[in-house]
């Protein structure tokens, strides 16, 4: 079979042309009319956050509770695959791949910037110590169980229906218990197209943040100008590296880069713990977790309805926060939409690497281990920056807020510690590798969706999607920088929030049918299993 014939045989006749076509049209529009694109994206973002922010908050809260129900329920012992299936990867490798794909760039970018901005421009309490505690609570809120519950629900549904019931590894399969084989029609096509859009713009947002931080680091270490042209050039270079990685496949390029990156990030974390306020950081970690646990439901359901704008500092009115509603739209609603837009990418990727694990093992692993590591990262980086500022050793908060974007916040903090040039270079390398692993993992996942659930999609199409991600990120940067990146994530995250709720009901329905001994998926609708545990892409029969 020729390469062209193989590609044609693995392209979904509706999902691929529609999603690729709309993305190409967006690229042309954004490149040719960048000013208008910035205005339109901003208007969409403002309307969604003003009118449907409550729905985003409800969605995340529901998914958290749903995950906890799955973890403690009787279905927790069910394996994601046949009853005798064994995991494909060790725990260490599984966590490394999951974590690198999940939110690596965001951790590096916001590790110092978010706590610093909350400390300076968030709710001002009676003392600096209380304000710092609140800043860390809000940061944990955005990067904790809420974020990972989004990934866990979609990832579980894909692994459950794909590996245990032999449906295609696409988002549409989670709808099977609700609408049967009609998932092969327009409802399934629509869901998969939305999944591709969400993945594309979610990754583009992260890539835009990552390249902005790389440019800021190069500027501080090597005096390289860090404007938009430099950022777009960096996107082109790193996208090329990501393309090479994605062609090598999940077991070579993506896995090896993920392991290297986790080791480098771990060394950077250990360095800051040792050279920073060590005892303060160790104590802060457990206190921050305690504050998160005790305030969990308060912040999870907080919608700002009863908050008085007068509690916000006068300097912030009309700024990054403005009032309680402005703070929610600029932070919480953006984060929830960002995580939801990433759900197809991260959910499918962790499903792909989680065959053989039990539902309980999957939920607890995906929900709590990355959350604990994220909390450690934010405690070390964020609390070090706050400690340096509050003790007068170095002002990290002031320059971060003055810059306004957070691009250089990590480098401000590292410059107050020993070996700042070396650690800044390591940080640039870590962000670059996170960029690569996010891009190549995302390309792999989008290609799986566009090919109808093929677990080994054609390499030529992976190249197409990897290049597309870089181009979309470049167009969004040119059309308004961080604000345009946020707007793109929010606009694509909203419709997929509805899909996630439907997916959760589909999983619950499937587990309930299996618990009663019923047939979850009719045999004639299943794919044919091969001896190695993979699935062919030809159904046994069609309705």
Protein backbone atom coordinates (compact mmCIF):
# COMPACT_ATOMS: atom_id res chain seq x y z
CA UNK A 1 0.00 0.00 0.00
CA UNK A 2 1.40 3.42 -0.94
CA UNK A 3 1.77 6.24 1.58
CA UNK A 4 -1.03 8.18 -0.10
CA UNK A 5 -3.38 5.20 0.04
CA UNK A 6 -2.61 4.66 3.73
CA UNK A 7 -3.26 8.30 4.55
CA UNK A 8 -6.56 8.28 2.65
CA UNK A 9 -7.58 5.11 4.44
CA UNK A 10 -6.98 6.69 7.84
CA UNK A 11 -8.63 10.08 7.34
CA UNK A 12 -12.17 10.52 8.62
CA UNK A 13 -14.19 11.77 5.63
CA UNK A 14 -15.99 14.46 7.62
CA UNK A 15 -13.98 15.26 10.76
CA UNK A 16 -10.66 15.90 9.04
CA UNK A 17 -11.73 18.15 6.14
CA UNK A 18 -14.13 20.24 8.24
CA UNK A 19 -11.77 20.80 11.17
CA UNK A 20 -8.69 21.34 8.98
CA UNK A 21 -10.61 23.66 6.68
CA UNK A 22 -11.98 25.87 9.46
CA UNK A 23 -8.56 26.07 11.12
CA UNK A 24 -6.94 27.08 7.82
CA UNK A 25 -9.61 29.75 7.30
CA UNK A 26 -8.95 31.07 10.82
CA UNK A 27 -5.22 31.24 10.11
CA UNK A 28 -5.84 33.19 6.90
CA UNK A 29 -8.29 35.53 8.65
CA UNK A 30 -6.04 36.09 11.66
CA UNK A 31 -2.97 36.71 9.54
CA UNK A 32 -4.68 39.05 7.06
CA UNK A 33 -6.91 40.94 9.52
CA UNK A 34 -5.05 40.73 12.84
CA UNK A 35 -6.57 43.91 14.30
CA UNK A 36 -10.13 42.78 13.56
CA UNK A 37 -9.35 39.29 14.86
CA UNK A 38 -8.13 40.79 18.13
CA UNK A 39 -11.39 42.75 18.53
CA UNK A 40 -13.61 39.80 17.68
CA UNK A 41 -11.76 37.40 19.98
CA UNK A 42 -11.90 39.94 22.79
CA UNK A 43 -15.63 40.49 22.33
CA UNK A 44 -16.30 36.74 22.38
CA UNK A 45 -14.20 36.30 25.52
CA UNK A 46 -15.96 39.17 27.32
CA UNK A 47 -19.43 37.90 26.43
CA UNK A 48 -18.70 34.35 27.56
CA UNK A 49 -17.13 35.35 30.86
CA UNK A 50 -19.89 37.87 31.62
CA UNK A 51 -22.84 35.65 30.76
CA UNK A 52 -21.69 32.05 31.09
CA UNK A 53 -18.98 32.16 33.72
CA UNK A 54 -21.36 30.49 36.16
CA UNK A 55 -21.68 27.53 33.79
CA UNK A 56 -17.90 27.05 33.67
CA UNK A 57 -17.76 27.09 37.48
CA UNK A 58 -20.61 24.58 37.70
CA UNK A 59 -18.95 22.28 35.14
CA UNK A 60 -15.66 22.09 37.04
CA UNK A 61 -17.40 21.55 40.39
CA UNK A 62 -19.53 18.76 38.92
CA UNK A 63 -16.52 17.02 37.37
CA UNK A 64 -14.60 17.10 40.67
CA UNK A 65 -17.49 15.49 42.53
CA UNK A 66 -17.97 12.96 39.72
CA UNK A 67 -14.30 11.92 39.91
CA UNK A 68 -14.50 11.44 43.67
CA UNK A 69 -17.59 9.27 43.16
CA UNK A 70 -15.72 7.14 40.61
CA UNK A 71 -12.75 6.70 42.96
CA UNK A 72 -14.78 5.42 45.91
CA UNK A 73 -17.50 3.57 43.98
CA UNK A 74 -17.81 -0.16 43.34
CA UNK A 75 -16.77 0.31 39.71
CA UNK A 76 -13.29 1.36 40.80
CA UNK A 77 -11.95 -2.20 40.42
CA UNK A 78 -12.86 -2.39 36.71
CA UNK A 79 -9.81 -2.47 34.44
CA UNK A 80 -9.36 -0.21 31.44
CA UNK A 81 -9.05 -3.16 29.09
CA UNK A 82 -9.68 -6.90 29.45
CA UNK A 83 -9.76 -8.23 33.01
CA UNK A 84 -6.25 -9.64 32.61
CA UNK A 85 -4.74 -6.53 31.02
CA UNK A 86 -1.47 -5.16 32.44
CA UNK A 87 -0.27 -1.53 32.28
CA UNK A 88 1.97 -0.68 29.33
CA UNK A 89 4.19 1.71 31.31
CA UNK A 90 5.69 1.81 34.79
CA UNK A 91 4.32 4.29 37.32
CA UNK A 92 7.32 6.61 36.94
CA UNK A 93 7.13 6.70 33.16
CA UNK A 94 3.33 7.05 33.27
CA UNK A 95 3.50 10.04 35.60
CA UNK A 96 6.30 11.66 33.61
CA UNK A 97 4.41 11.44 30.31
CA UNK A 98 1.13 12.51 31.89
CA UNK A 99 2.66 15.47 33.69
CA UNK A 100 4.73 16.75 30.75
CA UNK A 101 1.71 16.72 28.48
CA UNK A 102 -0.71 18.01 31.12
CA UNK A 103 0.46 21.45 32.15
CA UNK A 104 4.22 21.70 32.01
CA UNK A 105 4.55 25.04 30.21
CA UNK A 106 1.91 26.62 32.43
CA UNK A 107 3.72 25.60 35.62
CA UNK A 108 6.96 27.21 34.46
CA UNK A 109 5.20 30.34 33.23
CA UNK A 110 2.89 30.91 36.20
CA UNK A 111 5.02 29.33 38.97
CA UNK A 112 6.20 32.73 40.16
CA UNK A 113 3.93 35.08 38.21
CA UNK A 114 0.54 33.98 39.53
CA UNK A 115 1.31 34.03 43.29
CA UNK A 116 3.07 37.37 42.82
CA UNK A 117 0.13 38.90 40.95
CA UNK A 118 -2.42 37.59 43.45
CA UNK A 119 -0.28 38.97 46.28
CA UNK A 120 -0.07 42.43 44.70
CA UNK A 121 -3.46 42.81 43.02
CA UNK A 122 -5.79 40.28 44.63
CA UNK A 123 -7.89 40.75 47.76
CA UNK A 124 -5.85 42.81 50.21
CA UNK A 125 -6.28 41.35 53.71
CA UNK A 126 -5.25 42.67 57.12
CA UNK A 127 -1.58 41.72 56.79
CA UNK A 128 0.98 40.77 54.19
CA UNK A 129 1.09 37.27 55.67
CA UNK A 130 -2.67 36.77 55.22
CA UNK A 131 -2.49 38.17 51.69
CA UNK A 132 0.34 35.76 50.84
CA UNK A 133 -1.68 32.84 52.24
CA UNK A 134 -4.68 33.86 50.15
CA UNK A 135 -2.50 34.26 47.04
CA UNK A 136 -1.25 30.68 47.38
CA UNK A 137 -4.79 29.36 48.02
CA UNK A 138 -6.07 30.98 44.83
CA UNK A 139 -3.11 29.61 42.87
CA UNK A 140 -3.73 26.10 44.21
CA UNK A 141 -7.41 26.47 43.36
CA UNK A 142 -6.62 27.08 39.70
CA UNK A 143 -4.04 24.29 39.40
CA UNK A 144 -5.51 21.64 41.69
CA UNK A 145 -8.24 19.03 41.55
CA UNK A 146 -10.46 21.16 39.33
CA UNK A 147 -7.98 21.12 36.47
CA UNK A 148 -7.10 17.45 36.73
CA UNK A 149 -10.73 16.32 37.10
CA UNK A 150 -11.32 17.64 33.57
CA UNK A 151 -8.54 15.46 32.23
CA UNK A 152 -9.51 12.47 34.34
CA UNK A 153 -13.15 12.35 33.18
CA UNK A 154 -12.43 12.49 29.48
CA UNK A 155 -9.34 10.27 29.74
CA UNK A 156 -11.28 7.64 31.68
CA UNK A 157 -14.15 7.63 29.21
CA UNK A 158 -11.80 7.17 26.25
CA UNK A 159 -9.82 4.40 27.93
CA UNK A 160 -12.96 2.66 29.25
CA UNK A 161 -14.85 2.57 25.96
CA UNK A 162 -11.77 2.18 23.82
CA UNK A 163 -9.79 -0.48 25.67
CA UNK A 164 -12.55 -2.34 27.52
CA UNK A 165 -15.37 -2.17 24.99
CA UNK A 166 -13.39 -1.87 21.74
CA UNK A 167 -14.86 1.37 20.45
CA UNK A 168 -12.73 3.81 18.43
CA UNK A 169 -10.37 5.94 20.52
CA UNK A 170 -12.26 9.16 19.86
CA UNK A 171 -14.38 11.44 22.01
CA UNK A 172 -17.57 10.33 20.25
CA UNK A 173 -17.29 6.85 21.76
CA UNK A 174 -18.27 8.16 25.20
CA UNK A 175 -21.70 9.00 23.79
CA UNK A 176 -22.44 5.39 22.80
CA UNK A 177 -24.39 4.44 25.98
CA UNK A 178 -26.63 7.47 25.36
CA UNK A 179 -27.32 7.32 21.61
CA UNK A 180 -25.98 3.94 20.48
CA UNK A 181 -24.39 3.59 17.05
CA UNK A 182 -25.67 7.02 16.06
CA UNK A 183 -22.29 8.18 17.34
CA UNK A 184 -21.09 7.28 13.82
CA UNK A 185 -23.34 10.03 12.41
CA UNK A 186 -23.41 13.79 12.73
CA UNK A 187 -23.54 13.92 16.58
CA UNK A 188 -20.26 12.02 16.77
CA UNK A 189 -18.71 14.08 13.98
CA UNK A 190 -19.65 17.31 15.75
CA UNK A 191 -18.15 16.15 19.06
CA UNK A 192 -14.88 15.11 17.42
CA UNK A 193 -14.63 18.38 15.48
CA UNK A 194 -15.14 20.35 18.70
CA UNK A 195 -12.46 18.19 20.31
CA UNK A 196 -9.99 19.09 17.58
CA UNK A 197 -10.79 22.79 17.89
CA UNK A 198 -10.40 22.68 21.66
CA UNK A 199 -7.12 20.84 21.40
CA UNK A 200 -5.72 23.14 18.74
CA UNK A 201 -6.50 26.38 20.55
CA UNK A 202 -5.69 25.04 24.01
CA UNK A 203 -2.24 23.95 22.86
CA UNK A 204 -1.75 27.18 20.91
CA UNK A 205 -2.42 29.13 24.12
CA UNK A 206 0.21 27.16 26.00
CA UNK A 207 2.70 27.40 23.17
CA UNK A 208 2.19 31.14 23.03
CA UNK A 209 2.84 31.46 26.77
CA UNK A 210 5.86 29.20 26.51
CA UNK A 211 7.49 31.02 23.64
CA UNK A 212 6.89 34.38 25.35
CA UNK A 213 8.76 33.09 28.39
CA UNK A 214 11.58 31.64 26.27
CA UNK A 215 11.95 35.00 24.53
CA UNK A 216 11.98 36.79 27.90
CA UNK A 217 14.68 34.44 29.19
CA UNK A 218 16.82 34.86 26.08
CA UNK A 219 16.48 38.60 26.47
CA UNK A 220 17.64 38.58 30.09
CA UNK A 221 20.48 36.09 29.60
CA UNK A 222 21.71 36.90 26.09
CA UNK A 223 20.18 40.36 25.40
CA UNK A 224 18.20 39.01 22.46
CA UNK A 225 15.20 41.25 21.64
CA UNK A 226 12.02 39.56 22.75
CA UNK A 227 9.33 41.12 20.57
CA UNK A 228 6.69 39.40 18.48
CA UNK A 229 9.04 38.70 15.52
CA UNK A 230 11.44 36.87 17.85
CA UNK A 231 8.59 34.89 19.39
CA UNK A 232 7.26 33.84 15.98
CA UNK A 233 10.77 32.79 14.91
CA UNK A 234 11.07 30.71 18.08
CA UNK A 235 7.71 29.08 17.35
CA UNK A 236 8.97 28.08 13.90
CA UNK A 237 12.19 26.58 15.26
CA UNK A 238 10.60 24.68 18.14
CA UNK A 239 7.70 23.49 15.99
CA UNK A 240 10.27 21.93 13.68
CA UNK A 241 11.78 20.07 16.64
CA UNK A 242 8.32 18.97 17.76
CA UNK A 243 7.53 17.73 14.28
CA UNK A 244 10.63 15.55 14.28
CA UNK A 245 9.67 14.21 17.70
CA UNK A 246 6.09 13.36 16.76
CA UNK A 247 7.25 11.45 13.69
CA UNK A 248 9.35 9.15 15.90
CA UNK A 249 6.23 8.05 17.80
CA UNK A 250 4.99 7.87 21.39
CA UNK A 251 7.36 5.14 22.58
CA UNK A 252 10.52 6.92 21.45
CA UNK A 253 10.38 10.67 20.95
CA UNK A 254 7.56 11.69 23.29
CA UNK A 255 8.45 9.28 26.11
CA UNK A 256 12.16 10.07 26.10
CA UNK A 257 11.68 13.84 25.95
CA UNK A 258 9.11 13.63 28.77
CA UNK A 259 11.52 11.73 31.01
CA UNK A 260 14.42 14.12 30.26
CA UNK A 261 12.22 17.12 30.95
CA UNK A 262 10.86 15.83 34.24
CA UNK A 263 14.43 15.21 35.42
CA UNK A 264 15.55 18.73 34.46
CA UNK A 265 12.49 20.33 36.07
CA UNK A 266 13.11 18.22 39.19
CA UNK A 267 16.73 19.40 39.40
CA UNK A 268 15.61 23.03 39.04
CA UNK A 269 13.03 22.51 41.79
CA UNK A 270 15.60 20.91 44.09
CA UNK A 271 18.06 23.74 43.44
CA UNK A 272 15.54 26.39 44.51
CA UNK A 273 14.61 24.38 47.62
CA UNK A 274 18.27 24.13 48.66
CA UNK A 275 19.37 27.68 47.83
CA UNK A 276 16.10 29.33 48.81
CA UNK A 277 14.40 29.57 52.22
CA UNK A 278 14.40 25.79 52.73
CA UNK A 279 12.68 25.49 56.10
CA UNK A 280 10.11 28.12 55.15
CA UNK A 281 9.29 26.24 51.94
CA UNK A 282 8.90 22.86 53.63
CA UNK A 283 6.57 24.34 56.24
CA UNK A 284 4.68 26.34 53.63
CA UNK A 285 3.98 23.25 51.50
CA UNK A 286 1.98 21.51 54.20
CA UNK A 287 0.28 24.70 55.36
CA UNK A 288 -0.70 25.56 51.78
CA UNK A 289 -2.19 22.10 51.31
CA UNK A 290 -4.08 22.45 54.61
CA UNK A 291 -5.48 25.82 53.53
CA UNK A 292 -6.50 24.32 50.20
CA UNK A 293 -8.33 21.44 51.90
CA UNK A 294 -10.17 23.64 54.39
CA UNK A 295 -11.09 26.25 51.78
CA UNK A 296 -11.68 23.81 48.94
CA UNK A 297 -15.45 24.05 48.57
CA UNK A 298 -15.52 27.79 49.29
CA UNK A 299 -13.31 28.61 46.32
CA UNK A 300 -14.65 25.79 44.13
CA UNK A 301 -18.17 27.27 44.08
CA UNK A 302 -17.20 30.94 44.42
CA UNK A 303 -18.86 33.10 41.77
CA UNK A 304 -18.25 36.57 43.24
CA UNK A 305 -21.98 37.26 43.69
CA UNK A 306 -21.75 38.69 47.21
CA UNK A 307 -18.34 40.35 46.96
CA UNK A 308 -18.06 44.09 47.40
CA UNK A 309 -15.75 45.71 44.84
CA UNK A 310 -14.48 48.01 47.63
CA UNK A 311 -12.39 45.15 49.05
CA UNK A 312 -10.13 45.44 46.03
CA UNK A 313 -7.30 47.96 46.09
CA UNK A 314 -8.00 51.22 44.32
CA UNK A 315 -4.96 50.81 42.09
CA UNK A 316 -6.42 47.69 40.47
CA UNK A 317 -9.71 49.20 39.33
CA UNK A 318 -9.80 48.72 35.57
CA UNK A 319 -6.49 46.86 35.65
CA UNK A 320 -5.65 43.16 35.67
CA UNK A 321 -8.40 42.42 38.18
CA UNK A 322 -10.72 45.39 38.42
CA UNK A 323 -13.43 44.01 40.70
CA UNK A 324 -14.54 40.55 41.79
CA UNK A 325 -16.24 39.87 38.45
CA UNK A 326 -13.21 41.11 36.55
CA UNK A 327 -10.92 38.96 38.67
CA UNK A 328 -13.01 35.86 37.98
CA UNK A 329 -13.06 36.45 34.23
CA UNK A 330 -9.36 37.21 34.07
CA UNK A 331 -8.31 34.23 36.15
CA UNK A 332 -10.75 31.52 37.20
CA UNK A 333 -13.02 31.51 34.13
CA UNK A 334 -10.00 31.67 31.85
CA UNK A 335 -8.36 28.76 33.65
CA UNK A 336 -11.49 26.61 33.59
CA UNK A 337 -11.94 27.25 29.87
CA UNK A 338 -8.23 26.61 29.27
CA UNK A 339 -8.32 23.26 31.06
CA UNK A 340 -11.50 22.27 29.23
CA UNK A 341 -10.00 23.21 25.87
CA UNK A 342 -7.03 20.98 26.76
CA UNK A 343 -9.28 18.08 27.79
CA UNK A 344 -9.37 16.31 24.39
CA UNK A 345 -5.59 16.49 24.11
CA UNK A 346 -4.58 15.49 27.63
CA UNK A 347 -7.55 13.19 28.15
CA UNK A 348 -6.88 11.18 25.02
CA UNK A 349 -3.15 11.14 25.61
CA UNK A 350 -3.41 9.79 29.15
CA UNK A 351 -6.05 7.30 27.97
CA UNK A 352 -3.61 6.11 25.31
CA UNK A 353 -0.93 5.45 27.95
CA UNK A 354 -3.24 4.03 30.66
CA UNK A 355 -4.39 0.70 29.25
CA UNK A 356 -4.52 -1.99 31.94
CA UNK A 357 -5.00 0.24 34.98
CA UNK A 358 -8.12 0.04 37.15
CA UNK A 359 -10.58 2.92 37.26
CA UNK A 360 -9.67 3.65 40.88
CA UNK A 361 -5.97 3.55 40.09
CA UNK A 362 -6.52 5.82 37.11
CA UNK A 363 -8.61 8.40 38.96
CA UNK A 364 -6.38 8.55 42.05
CA UNK A 365 -3.24 8.66 39.93
CA UNK A 366 -4.44 11.32 37.51
CA UNK A 367 -6.22 13.41 40.13
CA UNK A 368 -3.87 13.46 43.11
CA UNK A 369 -0.28 12.74 42.05
CA UNK A 370 0.08 15.56 39.49
CA UNK A 371 -1.85 17.88 41.82
CA UNK A 372 0.57 17.20 44.68
CA UNK A 373 3.55 17.80 42.40
CA UNK A 374 1.98 20.99 41.03
CA UNK A 375 1.42 22.23 44.59
CA UNK A 376 5.05 21.51 45.43
CA UNK A 377 6.19 23.46 42.38
CA UNK A 378 4.03 26.49 43.17
CA UNK A 379 5.05 26.41 46.82
CA UNK A 380 8.75 26.34 46.00
CA UNK A 381 8.65 28.93 43.22
CA UNK A 382 5.79 31.13 44.43
CA UNK A 383 6.59 31.14 48.13
CA UNK A 384 10.29 31.78 47.42
CA UNK A 385 9.32 34.87 45.42
CA UNK A 386 6.91 36.06 48.14
CA UNK A 387 9.48 35.37 50.89
CA UNK A 388 12.19 37.34 49.06
CA UNK A 389 9.78 40.24 48.61
CA UNK A 390 8.31 40.23 52.14
CA UNK A 391 11.74 40.03 53.81
CA UNK A 392 13.16 42.82 51.64
CA UNK A 393 15.85 40.55 50.19
CA UNK A 394 14.72 41.17 46.60
CA UNK A 395 11.60 42.68 45.03
CA UNK A 396 10.08 40.00 42.82
CA UNK A 397 6.45 41.11 43.02
CA UNK A 398 7.00 44.70 41.91
CA UNK A 399 8.77 44.00 38.59
CA UNK A 400 6.35 41.15 37.84
CA UNK A 401 3.31 43.38 38.24
CA UNK A 402 4.99 46.24 36.41
CA UNK A 403 5.72 43.98 33.44
CA UNK A 404 2.07 42.90 33.47
CA UNK A 405 2.41 39.66 31.49
CA UNK A 406 4.42 37.39 33.78
CA UNK A 407 6.90 36.48 31.03
CA UNK A 408 9.98 37.31 33.14
CA UNK A 409 8.70 36.51 36.64
CA UNK A 410 10.58 33.21 36.93
CA UNK A 411 13.82 34.89 35.84
CA UNK A 412 13.33 37.74 38.35
CA UNK A 413 13.21 35.12 41.11
CA UNK A 414 16.16 33.08 39.83
CA UNK A 415 18.31 36.22 39.59
CA UNK A 416 17.98 36.62 43.36
CA UNK A 417 19.51 33.16 43.90
CA UNK A 418 23.03 31.80 43.19
CA UNK A 419 24.06 30.63 39.69
CA UNK A 420 21.27 32.65 38.12
CA UNK A 421 22.67 32.48 34.58
CA UNK A 422 22.92 28.69 34.68
CA UNK A 423 19.46 28.21 36.20
CA UNK A 424 17.95 30.67 33.72
CA UNK A 425 19.41 28.67 30.84
CA UNK A 426 18.04 25.45 32.38
CA UNK A 427 14.63 27.11 32.68
CA UNK A 428 14.72 28.10 29.02
CA UNK A 429 15.60 24.51 28.11
CA UNK A 430 12.82 23.10 30.30
CA UNK A 431 10.21 25.41 28.75
CA UNK A 432 11.47 24.49 25.29
CA UNK A 433 11.17 20.77 26.00
CA UNK A 434 7.71 21.27 27.51
CA UNK A 435 6.84 23.14 24.32
CA UNK A 436 8.02 20.17 22.25
CA UNK A 437 6.26 17.50 24.34
CA UNK A 438 3.01 19.48 24.37
CA UNK A 439 3.13 20.05 20.63
CA UNK A 440 4.06 16.53 19.60
CA UNK A 441 1.62 14.94 22.06
CA UNK A 442 -1.13 17.25 20.83
CA UNK A 443 -0.36 16.47 17.20
CA UNK A 444 -0.54 12.76 17.94
CA UNK A 445 -3.91 13.14 19.66
CA UNK A 446 -5.47 15.39 17.01
CA UNK A 447 -4.35 12.95 14.35
CA UNK A 448 -6.00 10.11 16.26
CA UNK A 449 -9.29 12.01 16.36
CA UNK A 450 -9.09 13.09 12.71
CA UNK A 451 -8.35 9.51 11.63
CA UNK A 452 -11.38 8.05 13.39
CA UNK A 453 -9.56 6.73 16.47
CA UNK A 454 -6.52 5.09 14.87
CA UNK A 455 -3.99 4.36 17.63
CA UNK A 456 -1.15 4.65 15.12
CA UNK A 457 -2.16 7.45 12.75
CA UNK A 458 -0.10 8.27 9.65
CA UNK A 459 3.10 10.21 10.33
CA UNK A 460 2.49 12.59 7.45
CA UNK A 461 -0.72 13.78 9.10
CA UNK A 462 1.05 14.22 12.43
CA UNK A 463 3.39 16.61 10.63
CA UNK A 464 0.40 18.57 9.29
CA UNK A 465 -1.12 19.01 12.74
CA UNK A 466 2.21 19.85 14.42
CA UNK A 467 2.81 22.62 11.89
CA UNK A 468 -0.80 23.81 12.26
CA UNK A 469 -0.38 24.20 16.03
CA UNK A 470 2.67 26.39 15.56
CA UNK A 471 0.95 28.51 12.93
CA UNK A 472 -2.17 29.03 15.06
CA UNK A 473 -0.02 30.04 18.05
CA UNK A 474 1.88 32.51 15.87
CA UNK A 475 -1.34 34.00 14.48
CA UNK A 476 -2.84 34.43 17.97
CA UNK A 477 0.33 36.12 19.20
CA UNK A 478 0.29 38.49 16.25
CA UNK A 479 -3.42 39.18 16.83
CA UNK A 480 -3.07 40.43 20.39
CA UNK A 481 -0.59 38.45 22.47
CA UNK A 482 -1.73 37.03 25.80
CA UNK A 483 -5.24 38.48 25.55
CA UNK A 484 -5.84 36.81 22.17
CA UNK A 485 -4.44 33.52 23.48
CA UNK A 486 -6.84 33.66 26.43
CA UNK A 487 -9.75 34.56 24.17
CA UNK A 488 -9.07 31.64 21.85
CA UNK A 489 -8.96 29.19 24.75
CA UNK A 490 -12.19 30.50 26.29
CA UNK A 491 -14.09 30.53 22.98
CA UNK A 492 -13.26 26.90 22.27
CA UNK A 493 -13.54 25.75 25.88
CA UNK A 494 -17.19 26.73 26.34
CA UNK A 495 -18.82 24.36 23.80
CA UNK A 496 -16.62 21.50 24.93
CA UNK A 497 -17.75 22.02 28.53
CA UNK A 498 -21.18 20.85 27.40
CA UNK A 499 -19.56 17.83 25.74
CA UNK A 500 -17.73 16.96 28.97
CA UNK A 501 -20.95 16.89 30.96
CA UNK A 502 -22.49 14.56 28.37
CA UNK A 503 -19.37 12.40 28.49
CA UNK A 504 -19.66 12.08 32.28
CA UNK A 505 -23.27 10.88 31.96
CA UNK A 506 -22.18 8.45 29.25
CA UNK A 507 -19.51 6.95 31.52
CA UNK A 508 -21.96 6.67 34.41
CA UNK A 509 -24.51 4.97 32.14
CA UNK A 510 -21.93 2.51 30.81
CA UNK A 511 -20.67 1.59 34.28
CA UNK A 512 -24.22 1.16 35.53
CA UNK A 513 -25.06 -1.20 32.64
CA UNK A 514 -21.89 -3.22 33.24
CA UNK A 515 -22.61 -3.45 36.97
CA UNK A 516 -26.02 -4.98 36.18
CA UNK A 517 -24.40 -7.50 33.83
CA UNK A 518 -25.83 -5.88 30.71
CA UNK A 519 -24.22 -5.30 27.32
CA UNK A 520 -22.52 -1.90 27.22
CA UNK A 521 -21.58 -2.05 23.53
CA UNK A 522 -23.15 -4.41 21.02
CA UNK A 523 -20.54 -6.76 19.49
CA UNK A 524 -21.34 -5.71 15.93
CA UNK A 525 -20.38 -2.14 16.80
CA UNK A 526 -16.99 -3.01 18.27
CA UNK A 527 -13.63 -2.88 16.56
CA UNK A 528 -11.57 -5.99 15.99
CA UNK A 529 -8.88 -6.55 18.62
CA UNK A 530 -5.45 -7.61 17.41
CA UNK A 531 -3.24 -9.99 19.47
CA UNK A 532 -1.12 -7.14 20.88
CA UNK A 533 -4.09 -5.29 22.35
CA UNK A 534 -4.42 -2.70 19.61
CA UNK A 535 -7.54 -2.22 17.53
CA UNK A 536 -8.08 -2.32 13.82
CA UNK A 537 -10.15 0.43 12.31
CA UNK A 538 -12.71 -1.77 10.59
CA UNK A 539 -15.95 -2.46 12.39
CA UNK A 540 -17.36 -5.96 12.23
CA UNK A 541 -20.56 -4.71 10.72
CA UNK A 542 -22.44 -1.51 10.11
CA UNK A 543 -25.98 -0.53 10.91
